[in-house]
Amino acid sequence: MGNNLFTYVQRLEMLAFFSGYPLIYYLVRILARHAFFKYRWGAGLVSVLPFAYALTGTLFLGLQLVNLYPDYSIETVGHRIQQPYLHIWALLSVLFWIPAISKRQILSLLHSLVFFFILVKDLFFQFTGDIRDRDIIKNEMTVYTISIFLNLAAFIVVLLSSLYNFRKKPSKP
């Protein structure tokens, strides 16, 4: 993490957007295997997962643009972003809007596991005694809970949007 407060805050932002997705992914996969949903909506539930992840990534992109406003120059971006590779990885989630990429739902899970492992790493160091400050773990667990709700809300919005678009299409005679 380093001793920089801005690095820590930016890492919490990324965790807030992306670390809760693996849990939502697995819950939807388990729900889609249930007999009630399997024959009615099972494939449809799983197919919208990458789009929900892309929506979360788009919201993260919007937050970054708001944070950088009004100066979007390369110099400003270079000074304000503390972990550029992690930010680039986070912004790659917007690519899941592309249907060819979103066909493989496992890619969205693999993409989000990077952020989940940051959380797991901090928990591991807390239990082994390397992290002395309990507030770090408390903050990350609060952010993880927020991330779960954010990813669940994104999933519900994309699911309702796809259901609405499905009903709007005229039936063929």
C-alpha atoms as a PDB file:
ATOM      1  CA  MET A   1       0.000   0.000   0.000  1.00  0.00           C
ATOM      2  CA  GLY A   2       2.771   2.416   0.778  1.00  0.00           C
ATOM      3  CA  ASN A   3       2.442   5.338   3.113  1.00  0.00           C
ATOM      4  CA  ASN A   4       0.582   7.519   0.686  1.00  0.00           C
ATOM      5  CA  LEU A   5      -3.008   8.297   1.625  1.00  0.00           C
ATOM      6  CA  PHE A   6      -3.961   8.928  -2.002  1.00  0.00           C
ATOM      7  CA  THR A   7      -2.696   5.492  -3.019  1.00  0.00           C
ATOM      8  CA  TYR A   8      -4.800   3.922  -0.297  1.00  0.00           C
ATOM      9  CA  VAL A   9      -7.918   5.874  -1.269  1.00  0.00           C
ATOM     10  CA  GLN A  10      -7.517   4.982  -4.944  1.00  0.00           C
ATOM     11  CA  ARG A  11      -7.090   1.329  -4.041  1.00  0.00           C
ATOM     12  CA  LEU A  12     -10.265   1.480  -1.947  1.00  0.00           C
ATOM     13  CA  GLU A  13     -12.075   3.017  -4.931  1.00  0.00           C
ATOM     14  CA  MET A  14     -11.036   0.126  -7.142  1.00  0.00           C
ATOM     15  CA  LEU A  15     -12.000  -2.398  -4.473  1.00  0.00           C
ATOM     16  CA  ALA A  16     -15.382  -0.689  -4.122  1.00  0.00           C
ATOM     17  CA  PHE A  17     -16.123  -1.180  -7.785  1.00  0.00           C
ATOM     18  CA  PHE A  18     -14.635  -4.559  -8.597  1.00  0.00           C
ATOM     19  CA  SER A  19     -13.965  -6.776  -5.567  1.00  0.00           C
ATOM     20  CA  GLY A  20     -17.581  -7.830  -4.986  1.00  0.00           C
ATOM     21  CA  TYR A  21     -18.134  -9.164  -8.493  1.00  0.00           C
ATOM     22  CA  PRO A  22     -16.793 -12.708  -7.900  1.00  0.00           C
ATOM     23  CA  LEU A  23     -19.396 -13.314  -5.193  1.00  0.00           C
ATOM     24  CA  ILE A  24     -22.219 -12.018  -7.414  1.00  0.00           C
ATOM     25  CA  TYR A  25     -20.863 -14.121 -10.300  1.00  0.00           C
ATOM     26  CA  TYR A  26     -20.962 -17.301  -8.259  1.00  0.00           C
ATOM     27  CA  LEU A  27     -24.360 -16.537  -6.747  1.00  0.00           C
ATOM     28  CA  VAL A  28     -25.852 -16.011 -10.204  1.00  0.00           C
ATOM     29  CA  ARG A  29     -24.202 -19.179 -11.513  1.00  0.00           C
ATOM     30  CA  ILE A  30     -25.614 -21.179  -8.613  1.00  0.00           C
ATOM     31  CA  LEU A  31     -29.028 -19.572  -9.065  1.00  0.00           C
ATOM     32  CA  ALA A  32     -28.965 -20.343 -12.795  1.00  0.00           C
ATOM     33  CA  ARG A  33     -28.358 -24.033 -12.013  1.00  0.00           C
ATOM     34  CA  HIS A  34     -31.407 -24.207  -9.759  1.00  0.00           C
ATOM     35  CA  ALA A  35     -34.240 -26.173 -11.370  1.00  0.00           C
ATOM     36  CA  PHE A  36     -36.693 -23.267 -11.313  1.00  0.00           C
ATOM     37  CA  PHE A  37     -34.384 -20.902 -13.220  1.00  0.00           C
ATOM     38  CA  LYS A  38     -32.526 -23.459 -15.310  1.00  0.00           C
ATOM     39  CA  TYR A  39     -35.235 -23.961 -17.887  1.00  0.00           C
ATOM     40  CA  ARG A  40     -36.692 -20.480 -17.855  1.00  0.00           C
ATOM     41  CA  TRP A  41     -33.945 -17.908 -17.412  1.00  0.00           C
ATOM     42  CA  GLY A  42     -30.749 -19.774 -16.527  1.00  0.00           C
ATOM     43  CA  ALA A  43     -28.784 -18.953 -19.666  1.00  0.00           C
ATOM     44  CA  GLY A  44     -30.139 -15.416 -19.726  1.00  0.00           C
ATOM     45  CA  LEU A  45     -29.042 -14.722 -16.152  1.00  0.00           C
ATOM     46  CA  VAL A  46     -25.498 -15.849 -16.845  1.00  0.00           C
ATOM     47  CA  SER A  47     -25.274 -14.056 -20.183  1.00  0.00           C
ATOM     48  CA  VAL A  48     -25.835 -10.599 -18.654  1.00  0.00           C
ATOM     49  CA  LEU A  49     -23.059 -10.981 -16.055  1.00  0.00           C
ATOM     50  CA  PRO A  50     -20.275  -9.492 -18.237  1.00  0.00           C
ATOM     51  CA  PHE A  51     -22.503  -6.571 -19.194  1.00  0.00           C
ATOM     52  CA  ALA A  52     -23.173  -5.868 -15.520  1.00  0.00           C
ATOM     53  CA  TYR A  53     -19.420  -5.931 -14.951  1.00  0.00           C
ATOM     54  CA  ALA A  54     -18.960  -3.560 -17.880  1.00  0.00           C
ATOM     55  CA  LEU A  55     -21.549  -1.218 -16.354  1.00  0.00           C
ATOM     56  CA  THR A  56     -19.571  -1.224 -13.115  1.00  0.00           C
ATOM     57  CA  GLY A  57     -16.411  -0.470 -15.079  1.00  0.00           C
ATOM     58  CA  THR A  58     -18.172   2.364 -16.876  1.00  0.00           C
ATOM     59  CA  LEU A  59     -19.210   3.836 -13.540  1.00  0.00           C
ATOM     60  CA  PHE A  60     -15.586   3.576 -12.399  1.00  0.00           C
ATOM     61  CA  LEU A  61     -14.483   5.362 -15.573  1.00  0.00           C
ATOM     62  CA  GLY A  62     -17.026   8.093 -14.850  1.00  0.00           C
ATOM     63  CA  LEU A  63     -15.665   8.510 -11.332  1.00  0.00           C
ATOM     64  CA  GLN A  64     -12.148   8.834 -12.686  1.00  0.00           C
ATOM     65  CA  LEU A  65     -13.246  11.453 -15.204  1.00  0.00           C
ATOM     66  CA  VAL A  66     -15.006  13.419 -12.452  1.00  0.00           C
ATOM     67  CA  ASN A  67     -11.879  13.209 -10.272  1.00  0.00           C
ATOM     68  CA  LEU A  68      -9.680  14.491 -13.094  1.00  0.00           C
ATOM     69  CA  TYR A  69     -12.004  17.329 -14.104  1.00  0.00           C
ATOM     70  CA  PRO A  70     -11.224  20.009 -15.479  1.00  0.00           C
ATOM     71  CA  ASP A  71      -7.685  19.108 -16.585  1.00  0.00           C
ATOM     72  CA  TYR A  72      -7.486  15.895 -18.598  1.00  0.00           C
ATOM     73  CA  SER A  73      -3.896  16.344 -19.731  1.00  0.00           C
ATOM     74  CA  ILE A  74      -1.402  13.492 -19.678  1.00  0.00           C
ATOM     75  CA  GLU A  75       0.645  15.262 -17.011  1.00  0.00           C
ATOM     76  CA  THR A  76      -2.335  15.604 -14.668  1.00  0.00           C
ATOM     77  CA  VAL A  77      -3.328  11.985 -15.177  1.00  0.00           C
ATOM     78  CA  GLY A  78       0.262  10.916 -14.499  1.00  0.00           C
ATOM     79  CA  HIS A  79       0.411  12.888 -11.265  1.00  0.00           C
ATOM     80  CA  ARG A  80      -2.976  11.907  -9.891  1.00  0.00           C
ATOM     81  CA  ILE A  81      -2.987   8.180 -10.619  1.00  0.00           C
ATOM     82  CA  GLN A  82      -0.829   6.430  -8.038  1.00  0.00           C
ATOM     83  CA  GLN A  83      -1.047   2.839  -9.336  1.00  0.00           C
ATOM     84  CA  PRO A  84      -1.224   3.154 -13.127  1.00  0.00           C
ATOM     85  CA  TYR A  85      -1.142  -0.552 -13.982  1.00  0.00           C
ATOM     86  CA  LEU A  86      -3.964  -1.344 -11.598  1.00  0.00           C
ATOM     87  CA  HIS A  87      -5.962   1.601 -12.989  1.00  0.00           C
ATOM     88  CA  ILE A  88      -5.416   0.435 -16.546  1.00  0.00           C
ATOM     89  CA  TRP A  89      -6.509  -3.060 -15.526  1.00  0.00           C
ATOM     90  CA  ALA A  90      -9.626  -1.617 -13.912  1.00  0.00           C
ATOM     91  CA  LEU A  91     -10.469   0.463 -16.979  1.00  0.00           C
ATOM     92  CA  LEU A  92     -10.154  -2.610 -19.216  1.00  0.00           C
ATOM     93  CA  SER A  93     -13.443  -3.760 -17.703  1.00  0.00           C
ATOM     94  CA  VAL A  94     -15.188  -1.406 -20.133  1.00  0.00           C
ATOM     95  CA  LEU A  95     -14.184  -3.823 -22.906  1.00  0.00           C
ATOM     96  CA  PHE A  96     -16.842  -6.231 -21.695  1.00  0.00           C
ATOM     97  CA  TRP A  97     -19.409  -4.119 -23.536  1.00  0.00           C
ATOM     98  CA  ILE A  98     -18.047  -5.741 -26.710  1.00  0.00           C
ATOM     99  CA  PRO A  99     -20.238  -8.782 -27.421  1.00  0.00           C
ATOM    100  CA  ALA A 100     -17.334 -10.922 -28.657  1.00  0.00           C
ATOM    101  CA  ILE A 101     -15.563 -10.511 -25.306  1.00  0.00           C
ATOM    102  CA  SER A 102     -18.699 -10.803 -23.187  1.00  0.00           C
ATOM    103  CA  LYS A 103     -19.574 -14.196 -24.678  1.00  0.00           C
ATOM    104  CA  ARG A 104     -16.988 -15.734 -22.372  1.00  0.00           C
ATOM    105  CA  GLN A 105     -18.348 -14.921 -18.950  1.00  0.00           C
ATOM    106  CA  ILE A 106     -15.351 -16.470 -17.215  1.00  0.00           C
ATOM    107  CA  LEU A 107     -13.159 -13.619 -18.499  1.00  0.00           C
ATOM    108  CA  SER A 108     -15.078 -11.108 -16.415  1.00  0.00           C
ATOM    109  CA  LEU A 109     -14.558 -13.281 -13.355  1.00  0.00           C
ATOM    110  CA  LEU A 110     -10.835 -13.619 -14.038  1.00  0.00           C
ATOM    111  CA  HIS A 111     -10.578  -9.867 -14.524  1.00  0.00           C
ATOM    112  CA  SER A 112     -12.225  -9.136 -11.178  1.00  0.00           C
ATOM    113  CA  LEU A 113     -10.198 -11.708  -9.254  1.00  0.00           C
ATOM    114  CA  VAL A 114      -7.211  -9.355  -9.337  1.00  0.00           C
ATOM    115  CA  PHE A 115      -9.071  -6.954  -7.061  1.00  0.00           C
ATOM    116  CA  PHE A 116     -10.487  -9.723  -4.919  1.00  0.00           C
ATOM    117  CA  PHE A 117      -6.981 -11.096  -4.333  1.00  0.00           C
ATOM    118  CA  ILE A 118      -5.849  -7.685  -3.082  1.00  0.00           C
ATOM    119  CA  LEU A 119      -8.511  -7.994  -0.416  1.00  0.00           C
ATOM    120  CA  VAL A 120      -7.548 -11.596   0.375  1.00  0.00           C
ATOM    121  CA  LYS A 121      -3.879 -10.622   0.591  1.00  0.00           C
ATOM    122  CA  ASP A 122      -4.627  -7.935   3.164  1.00  0.00           C
ATOM    123  CA  LEU A 123      -6.745 -10.369   5.175  1.00  0.00           C
ATOM    124  CA  PHE A 124      -3.925 -12.903   5.093  1.00  0.00           C
ATOM    125  CA  PHE A 125      -1.399 -10.337   6.302  1.00  0.00           C
ATOM    126  CA  GLN A 126      -3.807  -9.287   9.046  1.00  0.00           C
ATOM    127  CA  PHE A 127      -4.074 -12.847  10.349  1.00  0.00           C
ATOM    128  CA  THR A 128      -0.335 -13.470  10.131  1.00  0.00           C
ATOM    129  CA  GLY A 129       0.369 -10.319  12.097  1.00  0.00           C
ATOM    130  CA  ASP A 130       2.098  -8.239   9.412  1.00  0.00           C
ATOM    131  CA  ILE A 131      -0.589  -5.551   9.474  1.00  0.00           C
ATOM    132  CA  ARG A 132      -0.896  -3.895  12.855  1.00  0.00           C
ATOM    133  CA  ASP A 133      -3.711  -1.505  11.987  1.00  0.00           C
ATOM    134  CA  ARG A 134      -7.170  -3.073  12.257  1.00  0.00           C
ATOM    135  CA  ASP A 135      -8.735  -0.028  10.597  1.00  0.00           C
ATOM    136  CA  ILE A 136      -7.344  -1.093   7.223  1.00  0.00           C
ATOM    137  CA  ILE A 137      -9.232  -4.382   7.324  1.00  0.00           C
ATOM    138  CA  LYS A 138     -12.333  -2.704   8.740  1.00  0.00           C
ATOM    139  CA  ASN A 139     -12.292  -0.184   5.876  1.00  0.00           C
ATOM    140  CA  GLU A 140     -11.754  -2.886   3.280  1.00  0.00           C
ATOM    141  CA  MET A 141     -14.601  -5.020   4.626  1.00  0.00           C
ATOM    142  CA  THR A 142     -16.913  -2.005   4.514  1.00  0.00           C
ATOM    143  CA  VAL A 143     -15.815  -1.284   0.952  1.00  0.00           C
ATOM    144  CA  TYR A 144     -16.263  -4.969   0.041  1.00  0.00           C
ATOM    145  CA  THR A 145     -19.843  -4.860   1.303  1.00  0.00           C
ATOM    146  CA  ILE A 146     -20.482  -1.738  -0.757  1.00  0.00           C
ATOM    147  CA  SER A 147     -18.944  -3.469  -3.758  1.00  0.00           C
ATOM    148  CA  ILE A 148     -21.285  -6.426  -3.386  1.00  0.00           C
ATOM    149  CA  PHE A 149     -24.313  -4.121  -3.359  1.00  0.00           C
ATOM    150  CA  LEU A 150     -22.976  -2.073  -6.285  1.00  0.00           C
ATOM    151  CA  ASN A 151     -22.368  -5.161  -8.408  1.00  0.00           C
ATOM    152  CA  LEU A 152     -25.757  -6.594  -7.456  1.00  0.00           C
ATOM    153  CA  ALA A 153     -27.448  -3.335  -8.434  1.00  0.00           C
ATOM    154  CA  ALA A 154     -25.568  -3.280 -11.753  1.00  0.00           C
ATOM    155  CA  PHE A 155     -26.639  -6.860 -12.418  1.00  0.00           C
ATOM    156  CA  ILE A 156     -30.276  -6.052 -11.669  1.00  0.00           C
ATOM    157  CA  VAL A 157     -30.208  -2.940 -13.889  1.00  0.00           C
ATOM    158  CA  VAL A 158     -28.709  -4.841 -16.820  1.00  0.00           C
ATOM    159  CA  LEU A 159     -31.086  -7.762 -16.303  1.00  0.00           C
ATOM    160  CA  LEU A 160     -34.143  -5.493 -16.214  1.00  0.00           C
ATOM    161  CA  SER A 161     -32.859  -3.605 -19.236  1.00  0.00           C
ATOM    162  CA  SER A 162     -32.421  -6.814 -21.206  1.00  0.00           C
ATOM    163  CA  LEU A 163     -35.903  -8.005 -20.174  1.00  0.00           C
ATOM    164  CA  TYR A 164     -37.378  -4.669 -21.218  1.00  0.00           C
ATOM    165  CA  ASN A 165     -35.632  -4.817 -24.605  1.00  0.00           C
ATOM    166  CA  PHE A 166     -36.767  -8.414 -25.072  1.00  0.00           C
ATOM    167  CA  ARG A 167     -40.407  -7.461 -24.496  1.00  0.00           C
ATOM    168  CA  LYS A 168     -40.177  -4.416 -26.804  1.00  0.00           C
ATOM    169  CA  LYS A 169     -39.182  -6.472 -29.855  1.00  0.00           C
ATOM    170  CA  PRO A 170     -42.180  -7.169 -32.067  1.00  0.00           C
ATOM    171  CA  SER A 171     -43.012 -10.807 -32.568  1.00  0.00           C
ATOM    172  CA  LYS A 172     -42.623 -12.241 -36.049  1.00  0.00           C
ATOM    173  CA  PRO A 173     -45.922 -13.227 -37.771  1.00  0.00           C
END
